[in-house]
Amino acid sequence: MPTLRALLEDRTATLLGNLDTAITGIQYDSRAVRPGDLFACLRGEHVDGHRYVSQAVEAGAAAL
């Protein structure tokens, strides 16, 4: 199971939290988040994913 550190290797990012957190999946739709997933907060043409951070956290997102 990859860690957040491994997924972000060679990428520029601002992070808070533990880089050794295990990530079980990556989702951009907060309704699809399962415990252990990374929720990618994306800005779209009509909707900003940052609006759904609390729903992703409630669903068990391990990282944002």
Protein backbone atom coordinates (compact mmCIF):
# COMPACT_ATOMS: atom_id res chain seq x y z
CA MET A 1 0.00 0.00 0.00
CA PRO A 2 1.57 3.32 -1.03
CA THR A 3 2.08 6.14 1.41
CA LEU A 4 1.31 9.78 0.86
CA ARG A 5 5.08 10.36 0.73
CA ALA A 6 5.46 7.90 -2.16
CA LEU A 7 2.53 9.37 -4.10
CA LEU A 8 3.95 12.88 -3.84
CA GLU A 9 7.58 12.02 -4.55
CA ASP A 10 9.12 14.50 -7.00
CA ARG A 11 6.07 16.77 -6.80
CA THR A 12 5.77 20.25 -5.34
CA ALA A 13 3.06 20.40 -2.68
CA THR A 14 2.23 22.09 0.58
CA LEU A 15 1.29 19.49 3.15
CA LEU A 16 0.14 19.28 6.71
CA GLY A 17 0.16 15.96 8.48
CA ASN A 18 1.95 12.65 8.35
CA LEU A 19 3.57 11.76 5.04
CA ASP A 20 3.73 8.11 6.09
CA THR A 21 -0.09 7.81 6.07
CA ALA A 22 -1.20 4.80 4.03
CA ILE A 23 -3.39 5.73 1.05
CA THR A 24 -5.86 3.11 -0.20
CA GLY A 25 -7.31 5.06 -3.11
CA ILE A 26 -7.62 8.48 -4.72
CA GLN A 27 -10.97 10.18 -5.25
CA TYR A 28 -12.00 13.55 -6.66
CA ASP A 29 -15.72 13.02 -5.88
CA SER A 30 -16.41 13.34 -2.13
CA ARG A 31 -19.37 10.96 -2.49
CA ALA A 32 -16.98 8.19 -3.54
CA VAL A 33 -14.48 8.64 -0.67
CA ARG A 34 -13.86 5.58 1.52
CA PRO A 35 -11.72 5.36 4.66
CA GLY A 36 -8.05 5.68 3.73
CA ASP A 37 -8.59 7.51 0.44
CA LEU A 38 -6.83 10.70 -0.63
CA PHE A 39 -9.42 13.31 -1.64
CA ALA A 40 -8.13 15.45 -4.49
CA CYS A 41 -9.72 18.90 -4.14
CA LEU A 42 -9.96 20.04 -7.74
CA ARG A 43 -11.34 23.30 -9.09
CA GLY A 44 -13.64 22.62 -12.01
CA GLU A 45 -15.44 24.87 -14.44
CA HIS A 46 -18.61 24.89 -12.33
CA VAL A 47 -17.68 23.43 -8.94
CA ASP A 48 -14.70 23.76 -6.60
CA GLY A 49 -13.86 20.50 -4.85
CA HIS A 50 -12.64 22.44 -1.82
CA ARG A 51 -16.33 22.97 -0.98
CA TYR A 52 -16.59 19.25 -0.20
CA VAL A 53 -13.65 18.83 2.16
CA SER A 54 -15.83 18.30 5.23
CA GLN A 55 -17.85 15.57 3.48
CA ALA A 56 -14.64 13.81 2.43
CA VAL A 57 -13.27 13.97 5.97
CA GLU A 58 -16.55 12.64 7.38
CA ALA A 59 -16.34 9.75 4.89
CA GLY A 60 -12.86 8.85 6.17
CA ALA A 61 -10.42 10.60 3.84
CA ALA A 62 -6.87 10.05 5.11
CA ALA A 63 -5.49 13.08 3.28
CA LEU A 64 -6.65 16.04 1.21
